[in-house]
């Protein structure tokens, strides 16, 4: 059995009819059968404790876990990674257009109290790859580029919050996870 899983956590308001997000499909298409895959589907009213437990269960039997979180999903991926590390599993974390602090939102997008309670404020990310853009129209990301963090590789791309050119960044992700 392949002992590596790529586990993806989508961003806020991913449409239910798109069971798997565009970025997840891009990753699956690029990596093919190289990994097993997992996907955390959530919405603002989800029971995040149960989803966290489910993510931990789905990744339990793997030697290596590649966690990729997009936007709000990056916050959840960061949290999941902390628990996986406690189990002493090898884990790589990739954050795309990450929401690390809800106060850094540029748009007044209403979040439910349930969602707000589930999010951490992450001032000093560590041990990860961050792919983001200074042109992000949804989140203030400049602070990510202006600070030095512990073992964090930051890639500033010419794109928007949705990372429309995401497939162009998958080679960077591949290099990071090697």
C-alpha atoms as a PDB file:
ATOM      1  CA  UNK A   1       0.000   0.000   0.000  1.00  0.00           C
ATOM      2  CA  UNK A   2       1.125   3.530  -0.761  1.00  0.00           C
ATOM      3  CA  UNK A   3       2.023   5.000   2.601  1.00  0.00           C
ATOM      4  CA  UNK A   4       1.660   8.667   1.629  1.00  0.00           C
ATOM      5  CA  UNK A   5      -1.601  10.589   1.633  1.00  0.00           C
ATOM      6  CA  UNK A   6      -2.239  14.014   0.174  1.00  0.00           C
ATOM      7  CA  UNK A   7      -5.005  15.507   2.312  1.00  0.00           C
ATOM      8  CA  UNK A   8      -6.731  18.651   1.043  1.00  0.00           C
ATOM      9  CA  UNK A   9      -8.857  21.201   2.911  1.00  0.00           C
ATOM     10  CA  UNK A  10     -10.806  23.571   0.664  1.00  0.00           C
ATOM     11  CA  UNK A  11     -11.553  27.242   1.264  1.00  0.00           C
ATOM     12  CA  UNK A  12     -14.666  29.069   2.402  1.00  0.00           C
ATOM     13  CA  UNK A  13     -17.806  28.866   0.279  1.00  0.00           C
ATOM     14  CA  UNK A  14     -16.576  26.139  -2.058  1.00  0.00           C
ATOM     15  CA  UNK A  15     -19.801  25.300  -3.833  1.00  0.00           C
ATOM     16  CA  UNK A  16     -21.400  21.998  -2.719  1.00  0.00           C
ATOM     17  CA  UNK A  17     -21.877  20.887  -6.320  1.00  0.00           C
ATOM     18  CA  UNK A  18     -18.085  21.067  -6.672  1.00  0.00           C
ATOM     19  CA  UNK A  19     -17.547  18.192  -4.281  1.00  0.00           C
ATOM     20  CA  UNK A  20     -13.843  18.441  -5.002  1.00  0.00           C
ATOM     21  CA  UNK A  21     -12.339  21.877  -5.594  1.00  0.00           C
ATOM     22  CA  UNK A  22     -10.443  22.922  -8.716  1.00  0.00           C
ATOM     23  CA  UNK A  23      -7.116  22.958  -6.858  1.00  0.00           C
ATOM     24  CA  UNK A  24      -7.683  19.458  -5.496  1.00  0.00           C
ATOM     25  CA  UNK A  25      -8.505  18.212  -9.006  1.00  0.00           C
ATOM     26  CA  UNK A  26      -5.338  19.911 -10.330  1.00  0.00           C
ATOM     27  CA  UNK A  27      -3.242  18.180  -7.673  1.00  0.00           C
ATOM     28  CA  UNK A  28      -4.857  14.799  -8.320  1.00  0.00           C
ATOM     29  CA  UNK A  29      -4.328  15.176 -12.060  1.00  0.00           C
ATOM     30  CA  UNK A  30      -0.664  16.147 -11.630  1.00  0.00           C
ATOM     31  CA  UNK A  31       0.321  13.530  -9.046  1.00  0.00           C
ATOM     32  CA  UNK A  32      -1.994  10.758 -10.226  1.00  0.00           C
ATOM     33  CA  UNK A  33      -1.426   7.480  -8.411  1.00  0.00           C
ATOM     34  CA  UNK A  34       1.698   8.689  -6.615  1.00  0.00           C
ATOM     35  CA  UNK A  35      -0.381   9.304  -3.466  1.00  0.00           C
ATOM     36  CA  UNK A  36      -3.587   8.279  -1.811  1.00  0.00           C
ATOM     37  CA  UNK A  37      -5.958  11.211  -1.389  1.00  0.00           C
ATOM     38  CA  UNK A  38      -8.188  12.603   1.318  1.00  0.00           C
ATOM     39  CA  UNK A  39     -10.436  15.632   1.291  1.00  0.00           C
ATOM     40  CA  UNK A  40     -12.081  17.604   4.088  1.00  0.00           C
ATOM     41  CA  UNK A  41     -15.414  19.009   2.971  1.00  0.00           C
ATOM     42  CA  UNK A  42     -16.866  21.614   5.305  1.00  0.00           C
ATOM     43  CA  UNK A  43     -19.146  24.627   5.542  1.00  0.00           C
ATOM     44  CA  UNK A  44     -19.567  27.411   8.095  1.00  0.00           C
ATOM     45  CA  UNK A  45     -21.999  25.330  10.172  1.00  0.00           C
ATOM     46  CA  UNK A  46     -19.910  22.143  10.294  1.00  0.00           C
ATOM     47  CA  UNK A  47     -18.998  20.420  13.531  1.00  0.00           C
ATOM     48  CA  UNK A  48     -15.285  21.195  13.321  1.00  0.00           C
ATOM     49  CA  UNK A  49     -14.315  18.931  16.215  1.00  0.00           C
ATOM     50  CA  UNK A  50     -15.852  15.979  14.357  1.00  0.00           C
ATOM     51  CA  UNK A  51     -14.179  17.022  11.103  1.00  0.00           C
ATOM     52  CA  UNK A  52     -10.816  17.253  12.852  1.00  0.00           C
ATOM     53  CA  UNK A  53     -11.315  13.783  14.317  1.00  0.00           C
ATOM     54  CA  UNK A  54     -12.271  12.458  10.876  1.00  0.00           C
ATOM     55  CA  UNK A  55      -9.177  14.035   9.277  1.00  0.00           C
ATOM     56  CA  UNK A  56      -6.974  12.474  11.931  1.00  0.00           C
ATOM     57  CA  UNK A  57      -8.609   9.085  11.400  1.00  0.00           C
ATOM     58  CA  UNK A  58      -8.206   9.311   7.610  1.00  0.00           C
ATOM     59  CA  UNK A  59      -4.497  10.125   7.906  1.00  0.00           C
ATOM     60  CA  UNK A  60      -3.652   7.766  10.780  1.00  0.00           C
ATOM     61  CA  UNK A  61      -2.260   4.813   8.812  1.00  0.00           C
ATOM     62  CA  UNK A  62       0.183   6.723   6.621  1.00  0.00           C
ATOM     63  CA  UNK A  63       3.926   7.151   7.044  1.00  0.00           C
ATOM     64  CA  UNK A  64       3.789  10.554   5.373  1.00  0.00           C
ATOM     65  CA  UNK A  65       0.986  13.108   5.267  1.00  0.00           C
ATOM     66  CA  UNK A  66       0.952  16.000   2.813  1.00  0.00           C
ATOM     67  CA  UNK A  67      -1.563  18.566   4.060  1.00  0.00           C
ATOM     68  CA  UNK A  68      -2.698  21.286   1.701  1.00  0.00           C
ATOM     69  CA  UNK A  69      -5.112  23.952   2.882  1.00  0.00           C
ATOM     70  CA  UNK A  70      -6.557  26.790   0.848  1.00  0.00           C
ATOM     71  CA  UNK A  71      -7.652  30.144   2.301  1.00  0.00           C
ATOM     72  CA  UNK A  72      -9.821  29.421   5.353  1.00  0.00           C
ATOM     73  CA  UNK A  73      -9.020  25.745   4.840  1.00  0.00           C
ATOM     74  CA  UNK A  74      -5.344  26.621   5.400  1.00  0.00           C
ATOM     75  CA  UNK A  75      -6.212  27.521   8.982  1.00  0.00           C
ATOM     76  CA  UNK A  76      -7.796  24.104   9.476  1.00  0.00           C
ATOM     77  CA  UNK A  77      -4.886  22.335   7.758  1.00  0.00           C
ATOM     78  CA  UNK A  78      -2.500  24.105  10.150  1.00  0.00           C
ATOM     79  CA  UNK A  79      -4.529  22.830  13.101  1.00  0.00           C
ATOM     80  CA  UNK A  80      -4.680  19.281  11.715  1.00  0.00           C
ATOM     81  CA  UNK A  81      -0.907  19.302  11.225  1.00  0.00           C
ATOM     82  CA  UNK A  82      -0.336  20.017  14.917  1.00  0.00           C
ATOM     83  CA  UNK A  83      -2.187  16.834  15.905  1.00  0.00           C
ATOM     84  CA  UNK A  84      -0.482  14.730  13.239  1.00  0.00           C
ATOM     85  CA  UNK A  85       2.924  15.896  14.495  1.00  0.00           C
ATOM     86  CA  UNK A  86       1.958  14.765  18.006  1.00  0.00           C
ATOM     87  CA  UNK A  87       1.532  11.251  16.559  1.00  0.00           C
ATOM     88  CA  UNK A  88       5.115  11.462  15.290  1.00  0.00           C
ATOM     89  CA  UNK A  89       4.102  11.112  11.640  1.00  0.00           C
ATOM     90  CA  UNK A  90       6.086  12.789   8.887  1.00  0.00           C
ATOM     91  CA  UNK A  91       3.938  15.713   7.711  1.00  0.00           C
ATOM     92  CA  UNK A  92       4.425  18.435   5.109  1.00  0.00           C
ATOM     93  CA  UNK A  93       2.164  21.484   5.166  1.00  0.00           C
ATOM     94  CA  UNK A  94       1.324  23.682   2.184  1.00  0.00           C
ATOM     95  CA  UNK A  95      -0.853  26.773   2.674  1.00  0.00           C
ATOM     96  CA  UNK A  96      -2.325  28.614  -0.308  1.00  0.00           C
ATOM     97  CA  UNK A  97      -3.766  32.129   0.081  1.00  0.00           C
ATOM     98  CA  UNK A  98      -3.940  31.345   3.795  1.00  0.00           C
ATOM     99  CA  UNK A  99      -6.354  32.906   6.250  1.00  0.00           C
ATOM    100  CA  UNK A 100      -4.145  32.893   9.325  1.00  0.00           C
ATOM    101  CA  UNK A 101      -5.905  35.744  11.136  1.00  0.00           C
ATOM    102  CA  UNK A 102      -9.573  36.647  10.565  1.00  0.00           C
ATOM    103  CA  UNK A 103      -8.740  40.289  11.328  1.00  0.00           C
ATOM    104  CA  UNK A 104      -6.673  40.373   8.137  1.00  0.00           C
ATOM    105  CA  UNK A 105      -9.713  40.020   5.882  1.00  0.00           C
ATOM    106  CA  UNK A 106     -10.078  42.845   3.368  1.00  0.00           C
ATOM    107  CA  UNK A 107     -13.702  42.086   2.588  1.00  0.00           C
ATOM    108  CA  UNK A 108     -16.489  42.118   5.120  1.00  0.00           C
ATOM    109  CA  UNK A 109     -17.466  38.525   4.444  1.00  0.00           C
ATOM    110  CA  UNK A 110     -19.774  37.378   7.242  1.00  0.00           C
ATOM    111  CA  UNK A 111     -18.545  34.348   9.146  1.00  0.00           C
ATOM    112  CA  UNK A 112     -20.824  32.467  11.513  1.00  0.00           C
ATOM    113  CA  UNK A 113     -19.901  32.370  15.184  1.00  0.00           C
ATOM    114  CA  UNK A 114     -19.352  28.643  14.752  1.00  0.00           C
ATOM    115  CA  UNK A 115     -16.740  29.239  12.056  1.00  0.00           C
ATOM    116  CA  UNK A 116     -15.060  32.073  13.954  1.00  0.00           C
ATOM    117  CA  UNK A 117     -14.709  29.864  17.049  1.00  0.00           C
ATOM    118  CA  UNK A 118     -13.069  27.124  14.972  1.00  0.00           C
ATOM    119  CA  UNK A 119     -10.333  29.366  13.533  1.00  0.00           C
ATOM    120  CA  UNK A 120      -6.994  30.020  15.199  1.00  0.00           C
ATOM    121  CA  UNK A 121      -5.025  33.233  15.051  1.00  0.00           C
ATOM    122  CA  UNK A 122      -1.674  32.186  13.613  1.00  0.00           C
ATOM    123  CA  UNK A 123       0.819  35.060  13.940  1.00  0.00           C
ATOM    124  CA  UNK A 124       3.982  33.071  13.345  1.00  0.00           C
ATOM    125  CA  UNK A 125       3.476  30.164  10.977  1.00  0.00           C
ATOM    126  CA  UNK A 126       6.270  27.630  10.973  1.00  0.00           C
ATOM    127  CA  UNK A 127       7.442  24.585   9.070  1.00  0.00           C
ATOM    128  CA  UNK A 128       5.446  25.051   5.879  1.00  0.00           C
ATOM    129  CA  UNK A 129       5.271  26.294   2.324  1.00  0.00           C
ATOM    130  CA  UNK A 130       3.074  29.344   1.738  1.00  0.00           C
ATOM    131  CA  UNK A 131       1.900  30.297  -1.739  1.00  0.00           C
ATOM    132  CA  UNK A 132       0.233  33.708  -1.731  1.00  0.00           C
ATOM    133  CA  UNK A 133       0.028  36.995  -3.583  1.00  0.00           C
ATOM    134  CA  UNK A 134       0.427  40.656  -2.708  1.00  0.00           C
ATOM    135  CA  UNK A 135      -2.513  41.243  -5.045  1.00  0.00           C
ATOM    136  CA  UNK A 136      -4.884  39.217  -2.841  1.00  0.00           C
ATOM    137  CA  UNK A 137      -8.208  41.043  -2.918  1.00  0.00           C
ATOM    138  CA  UNK A 138      -9.728  39.048  -0.034  1.00  0.00           C
ATOM    139  CA  UNK A 139      -6.951  38.820   2.584  1.00  0.00           C
ATOM    140  CA  UNK A 140      -4.138  41.142   3.628  1.00  0.00           C
ATOM    141  CA  UNK A 141      -1.075  39.013   2.824  1.00  0.00           C
ATOM    142  CA  UNK A 142       1.748  41.590   2.784  1.00  0.00           C
ATOM    143  CA  UNK A 143       2.667  40.749   6.380  1.00  0.00           C
ATOM    144  CA  UNK A 144       3.550  37.230   5.250  1.00  0.00           C
ATOM    145  CA  UNK A 145       6.122  38.581   2.797  1.00  0.00           C
ATOM    146  CA  UNK A 146       7.497  41.174   5.207  1.00  0.00           C
ATOM    147  CA  UNK A 147       8.299  38.776   8.060  1.00  0.00           C
ATOM    148  CA  UNK A 148      10.711  35.929   8.590  1.00  0.00           C
ATOM    149  CA  UNK A 149       9.205  32.776  10.026  1.00  0.00           C
ATOM    150  CA  UNK A 150      10.763  29.571  11.326  1.00  0.00           C
ATOM    151  CA  UNK A 151      11.367  27.137   8.452  1.00  0.00           C
ATOM    152  CA  UNK A 152       8.780  28.716   6.136  1.00  0.00           C
ATOM    153  CA  UNK A 153       9.237  29.003   2.400  1.00  0.00           C
ATOM    154  CA  UNK A 154       7.078  31.816   1.016  1.00  0.00           C
ATOM    155  CA  UNK A 155       6.322  32.113  -2.685  1.00  0.00           C
ATOM    156  CA  UNK A 156       4.829  35.400  -3.865  1.00  0.00           C
ATOM    157  CA  UNK A 157       2.907  34.731  -7.069  1.00  0.00           C
ATOM    158  CA  UNK A 158       1.374  37.108  -9.601  1.00  0.00           C
ATOM    159  CA  UNK A 159      -2.229  35.993  -9.191  1.00  0.00           C
ATOM    160  CA  UNK A 160      -5.390  36.670  -7.186  1.00  0.00           C
ATOM    161  CA  UNK A 161      -6.848  35.143  -4.015  1.00  0.00           C
ATOM    162  CA  UNK A 162      -8.384  32.214  -5.907  1.00  0.00           C
ATOM    163  CA  UNK A 163      -4.960  31.430  -7.425  1.00  0.00           C
ATOM    164  CA  UNK A 164      -6.402  31.044 -10.907  1.00  0.00           C
ATOM    165  CA  UNK A 165      -2.963  29.906 -12.148  1.00  0.00           C
ATOM    166  CA  UNK A 166      -2.670  27.253  -9.427  1.00  0.00           C
ATOM    167  CA  UNK A 167      -1.593  24.502 -11.821  1.00  0.00           C
ATOM    168  CA  UNK A 168       1.554  26.591 -12.484  1.00  0.00           C
ATOM    169  CA  UNK A 169       2.559  26.298  -8.806  1.00  0.00           C
ATOM    170  CA  UNK A 170       2.245  22.540  -8.451  1.00  0.00           C
ATOM    171  CA  UNK A 171       5.903  22.006  -9.425  1.00  0.00           C
ATOM    172  CA  UNK A 172       6.865  24.204  -6.425  1.00  0.00           C
ATOM    173  CA  UNK A 173       4.663  22.005  -4.242  1.00  0.00           C
ATOM    174  CA  UNK A 174       6.300  18.894  -5.705  1.00  0.00           C
ATOM    175  CA  UNK A 175       9.777  20.285  -4.893  1.00  0.00           C
ATOM    176  CA  UNK A 176       8.717  21.146  -1.354  1.00  0.00           C
ATOM    177  CA  UNK A 177       7.332  17.722  -0.552  1.00  0.00           C
ATOM    178  CA  UNK A 178      10.402  15.823  -1.839  1.00  0.00           C
END
